[in-house]
Amino acid sequence: MTEGYCVKCKAKKEMSSAKQVTMKNGRKAMKGKCPSCGTGMYRILGK
């Protein structure tokens, strides 16, 4: 699982249903949901 920052909870948490996506500029990122509040979470990955 990938850890990300939830802006609604203001804490780092493990993303649920995380999947890897490619942004418009070609960089990779992980997109998922916060397990406690359900808000969308996003984490930009390295090259």
PDB file of N, CA and C in Angstrom:
ATOM      1  N   MET A   1       0.842  -1.191   0.000  1.00  0.00           N
ATOM      2  CA  MET A   1       0.000   0.000   0.000  1.00  0.00           C
ATOM      3  C   MET A   1       0.882   1.248   0.000  1.00  0.00           C
ATOM      4  N   THR A   2       0.326   2.315  -0.496  1.00  0.00           N
ATOM      5  CA  THR A   2       1.051   3.577  -0.599  1.00  0.00           C
ATOM      6  C   THR A   2       0.532   4.555   0.442  1.00  0.00           C
ATOM      7  N   GLU A   3       1.446   5.296   1.037  1.00  0.00           N
ATOM      8  CA  GLU A   3       1.068   6.288   2.025  1.00  0.00           C
ATOM      9  C   GLU A   3       0.919   7.635   1.331  1.00  0.00           C
ATOM     10  N   GLY A   4      -0.117   8.371   1.685  1.00  0.00           N
ATOM     11  CA  GLY A   4      -0.353   9.693   1.130  1.00  0.00           C
ATOM     12  C   GLY A   4      -0.866  10.629   2.202  1.00  0.00           C
ATOM     13  N   TYR A   5      -1.042  11.899   1.845  1.00  0.00           N
ATOM     14  CA  TYR A   5      -1.509  12.903   2.796  1.00  0.00           C
ATOM     15  C   TYR A   5      -2.968  13.233   2.497  1.00  0.00           C
ATOM     16  N   CYS A   6      -3.809  13.126   3.505  1.00  0.00           N
ATOM     17  CA  CYS A   6      -5.219  13.500   3.375  1.00  0.00           C
ATOM     18  C   CYS A   6      -5.376  14.937   3.857  1.00  0.00           C
ATOM     19  N   VAL A   7      -5.840  15.820   2.972  1.00  0.00           N
ATOM     20  CA  VAL A   7      -5.980  17.234   3.345  1.00  0.00           C
ATOM     21  C   VAL A   7      -7.186  17.460   4.254  1.00  0.00           C
ATOM     22  N   LYS A   8      -8.167  16.580   4.209  1.00  0.00           N
ATOM     23  CA  LYS A   8      -9.335  16.735   5.061  1.00  0.00           C
ATOM     24  C   LYS A   8      -9.027  16.305   6.502  1.00  0.00           C
ATOM     25  N   CYS A   9      -8.329  15.173   6.662  1.00  0.00           N
ATOM     26  CA  CYS A   9      -7.957  14.676   7.994  1.00  0.00           C
ATOM     27  C   CYS A   9      -6.681  15.340   8.519  1.00  0.00           C
ATOM     28  N   LYS A  10      -5.901  15.962   7.623  1.00  0.00           N
ATOM     29  CA  LYS A  10      -4.612  16.587   7.953  1.00  0.00           C
ATOM     30  C   LYS A  10      -3.648  15.583   8.579  1.00  0.00           C
ATOM     31  N   ALA A  11      -3.535  14.401   7.955  1.00  0.00           N
ATOM     32  CA  ALA A  11      -2.642  13.360   8.454  1.00  0.00           C
ATOM     33  C   ALA A  11      -2.202  12.460   7.305  1.00  0.00           C
ATOM     34  N   LYS A  12      -1.036  11.807   7.481  1.00  0.00           N
ATOM     35  CA  LYS A  12      -0.564  10.823   6.516  1.00  0.00           C
ATOM     36  C   LYS A  12      -1.234   9.501   6.810  1.00  0.00           C
ATOM     37  N   LYS A  13      -1.770   8.872   5.768  1.00  0.00           N
ATOM     38  CA  LYS A  13      -2.473   7.597   5.934  1.00  0.00           C
ATOM     39  C   LYS A  13      -2.201   6.712   4.727  1.00  0.00           C
ATOM     40  N   GLU A  14      -2.474   5.409   4.887  1.00  0.00           N
ATOM     41  CA  GLU A  14      -2.372   4.472   3.782  1.00  0.00           C
ATOM     42  C   GLU A  14      -3.583   4.669   2.862  1.00  0.00           C
ATOM     43  N   MET A  15      -3.337   4.721   1.561  1.00  0.00           N
ATOM     44  CA  MET A  15      -4.433   4.891   0.601  1.00  0.00           C
ATOM     45  C   MET A  15      -5.160   3.564   0.423  1.00  0.00           C
ATOM     46  N   SER A  16      -6.478   3.631   0.315  1.00  0.00           N
ATOM     47  CA  SER A  16      -7.231   2.430  -0.030  1.00  0.00           C
ATOM     48  C   SER A  16      -7.573   2.518  -1.519  1.00  0.00           C
ATOM     49  N   SER A  17      -7.660   1.382  -2.157  1.00  0.00           N
ATOM     50  CA  SER A  17      -7.911   1.247  -3.605  1.00  0.00           C
ATOM     51  C   SER A  17      -6.985   2.152  -4.425  1.00  0.00           C
ATOM     52  N   ALA A  18      -5.682   2.093  -4.108  1.00  0.00           N
ATOM     53  CA  ALA A  18      -4.697   2.921  -4.806  1.00  0.00           C
ATOM     54  C   ALA A  18      -4.339   2.303  -6.152  1.00  0.00           C
ATOM     55  N   LYS A  19      -4.187   3.154  -7.161  1.00  0.00           N
ATOM     56  CA  LYS A  19      -3.740   2.689  -8.467  1.00  0.00           C
ATOM     57  C   LYS A  19      -2.790   3.716  -9.066  1.00  0.00           C
ATOM     58  N   GLN A  20      -1.902   3.247  -9.924  1.00  0.00           N
ATOM     59  CA  GLN A  20      -0.908   4.131 -10.529  1.00  0.00           C
ATOM     60  C   GLN A  20      -1.497   4.771 -11.773  1.00  0.00           C
ATOM     61  N   VAL A  21      -1.310   6.085 -11.896  1.00  0.00           N
ATOM     62  CA  VAL A  21      -1.784   6.839 -13.061  1.00  0.00           C
ATOM     63  C   VAL A  21      -0.623   7.657 -13.619  1.00  0.00           C
ATOM     64  N   THR A  22      -0.765   8.096 -14.870  1.00  0.00           N
ATOM     65  CA  THR A  22       0.225   8.964 -15.492  1.00  0.00           C
ATOM     66  C   THR A  22      -0.409  10.332 -15.697  1.00  0.00           C
ATOM     67  N   MET A  23       0.281  11.369 -15.222  1.00  0.00           N
ATOM     68  CA  MET A  23      -0.230  12.727 -15.353  1.00  0.00           C
ATOM     69  C   MET A  23       0.013  13.247 -16.772  1.00  0.00           C
ATOM     70  N   LYS A  24      -0.548  14.396 -17.105  1.00  0.00           N
ATOM     71  CA  LYS A  24      -0.406  14.979 -18.435  1.00  0.00           C
ATOM     72  C   LYS A  24       1.037  15.246 -18.820  1.00  0.00           C
ATOM     73  N   ASN A  25       1.868  15.596 -17.833  1.00  0.00           N
ATOM     74  CA  ASN A  25       3.261  15.909 -18.131  1.00  0.00           C
ATOM     75  C   ASN A  25       4.139  14.656 -18.215  1.00  0.00           C
ATOM     76  N   GLY A  26       3.560  13.460 -18.062  1.00  0.00           N
ATOM     77  CA  GLY A  26       4.298  12.219 -18.210  1.00  0.00           C
ATOM     78  C   GLY A  26       4.800  11.605 -16.920  1.00  0.00           C
ATOM     79  N   ARG A  27       4.681  12.299 -15.810  1.00  0.00           N
ATOM     80  CA  ARG A  27       5.137  11.761 -14.523  1.00  0.00           C
ATOM     81  C   ARG A  27       4.100  10.798 -13.960  1.00  0.00           C
ATOM     82  N   LYS A  28       4.564   9.875 -13.129  1.00  0.00           N
ATOM     83  CA  LYS A  28       3.678   8.886 -12.543  1.00  0.00           C
ATOM     84  C   LYS A  28       3.212   9.334 -11.162  1.00  0.00           C
ATOM     85  N   ALA A  29       2.018   8.901 -10.793  1.00  0.00           N
ATOM     86  CA  ALA A  29       1.448   9.252  -9.493  1.00  0.00           C
ATOM     87  C   ALA A  29       0.558   8.108  -9.022  1.00  0.00           C
ATOM     88  N   MET A  30       0.302   8.073  -7.720  1.00  0.00           N
ATOM     89  CA  MET A  30      -0.627   7.105  -7.145  1.00  0.00           C
ATOM     90  C   MET A  30      -1.894   7.851  -6.746  1.00  0.00           C
ATOM     91  N   LYS A  31      -3.037   7.286  -7.093  1.00  0.00           N
ATOM     92  CA  LYS A  31      -4.319   7.907  -6.805  1.00  0.00           C
ATOM     93  C   LYS A  31      -5.159   6.907  -6.012  1.00  0.00           C
ATOM     94  N   GLY A  32      -5.746   7.368  -4.913  1.00  0.00           N
ATOM     95  CA  GLY A  32      -6.559   6.486  -4.085  1.00  0.00           C
ATOM     96  C   GLY A  32      -7.523   7.268  -3.221  1.00  0.00           C
ATOM     97  N   LYS A  33      -8.056   6.608  -2.207  1.00  0.00           N
ATOM     98  CA  LYS A  33      -9.011   7.242  -1.303  1.00  0.00           C
ATOM     99  C   LYS A  33      -8.543   7.094   0.135  1.00  0.00           C
ATOM    100  N   CYS A  34      -8.936   8.046   0.961  1.00  0.00           N
ATOM    101  CA  CYS A  34      -8.638   7.999   2.395  1.00  0.00           C
ATOM    102  C   CYS A  34      -9.523   6.934   3.035  1.00  0.00           C
ATOM    103  N   PRO A  35      -8.938   6.034   3.835  1.00  0.00           N
ATOM    104  CA  PRO A  35      -9.755   4.967   4.429  1.00  0.00           C
ATOM    105  C   PRO A  35     -10.768   5.451   5.467  1.00  0.00           C
ATOM    106  N   SER A  36     -10.523   6.595   6.105  1.00  0.00           N
ATOM    107  CA  SER A  36     -11.456   7.038   7.153  1.00  0.00           C
ATOM    108  C   SER A  36     -12.537   7.983   6.648  1.00  0.00           C
ATOM    109  N   CYS A  37     -12.192   8.946   5.767  1.00  0.00           N
ATOM    110  CA  CYS A  37     -13.203   9.921   5.340  1.00  0.00           C
ATOM    111  C   CYS A  37     -13.628   9.766   3.878  1.00  0.00           C
ATOM    112  N   GLY A  38     -12.861   9.014   3.071  1.00  0.00           N
ATOM    113  CA  GLY A  38     -13.249   8.778   1.682  1.00  0.00           C
ATOM    114  C   GLY A  38     -12.824   9.854   0.702  1.00  0.00           C
ATOM    115  N   THR A  39     -12.069  10.846   1.148  1.00  0.00           N
ATOM    116  CA  THR A  39     -11.594  11.911   0.277  1.00  0.00           C
ATOM    117  C   THR A  39     -10.532  11.366  -0.673  1.00  0.00           C
ATOM    118  N   GLY A  40     -10.483  11.895  -1.891  1.00  0.00           N
ATOM    119  CA  GLY A  40      -9.475  11.481  -2.851  1.00  0.00           C
ATOM    120  C   GLY A  40      -8.086  11.903  -2.410  1.00  0.00           C
ATOM    121  N   MET A  41      -7.115  10.980  -2.529  1.00  0.00           N
ATOM    122  CA  MET A  41      -5.724  11.259  -2.156  1.00  0.00           C
ATOM    123  C   MET A  41      -4.852  11.082  -3.390  1.00  0.00           C
ATOM    124  N   TYR A  42      -3.755  11.777  -3.441  1.00  0.00           N
ATOM    125  CA  TYR A  42      -2.870  11.783  -4.594  1.00  0.00           C
ATOM    126  C   TYR A  42      -1.438  11.875  -4.104  1.00  0.00           C
ATOM    127  N   ARG A  43      -0.546  11.073  -4.692  1.00  0.00           N
ATOM    128  CA  ARG A  43       0.874  11.142  -4.331  1.00  0.00           C
ATOM    129  C   ARG A  43       1.700  11.069  -5.607  1.00  0.00           C
ATOM    130  N   ILE A  44       2.542  12.078  -5.824  1.00  0.00           N
ATOM    131  CA  ILE A  44       3.412  12.106  -7.003  1.00  0.00           C
ATOM    132  C   ILE A  44       4.627  11.244  -6.714  1.00  0.00           C
ATOM    133  N   LEU A  45       4.957  10.356  -7.641  1.00  0.00           N
ATOM    134  CA  LEU A  45       6.070   9.431  -7.483  1.00  0.00           C
ATOM    135  C   LEU A  45       7.317   9.985  -8.151  1.00  0.00           C
ATOM    136  N   GLY A  46       8.463   9.399  -7.828  1.00  0.00           N
ATOM    137  CA  GLY A  46       9.723   9.797  -8.432  1.00  0.00           C
ATOM    138  C   GLY A  46       9.811   9.352  -9.877  1.00  0.00           C
ATOM    139  N   LYS A  47      10.854   9.767 -10.557  1.00  0.00           N
ATOM    140  CA  LYS A  47      10.982   9.433 -11.979  1.00  0.00           C
ATOM    141  C   LYS A  47      11.282   8.002 -12.231  1.00  0.00           C
TER     142      LYS A  47
END
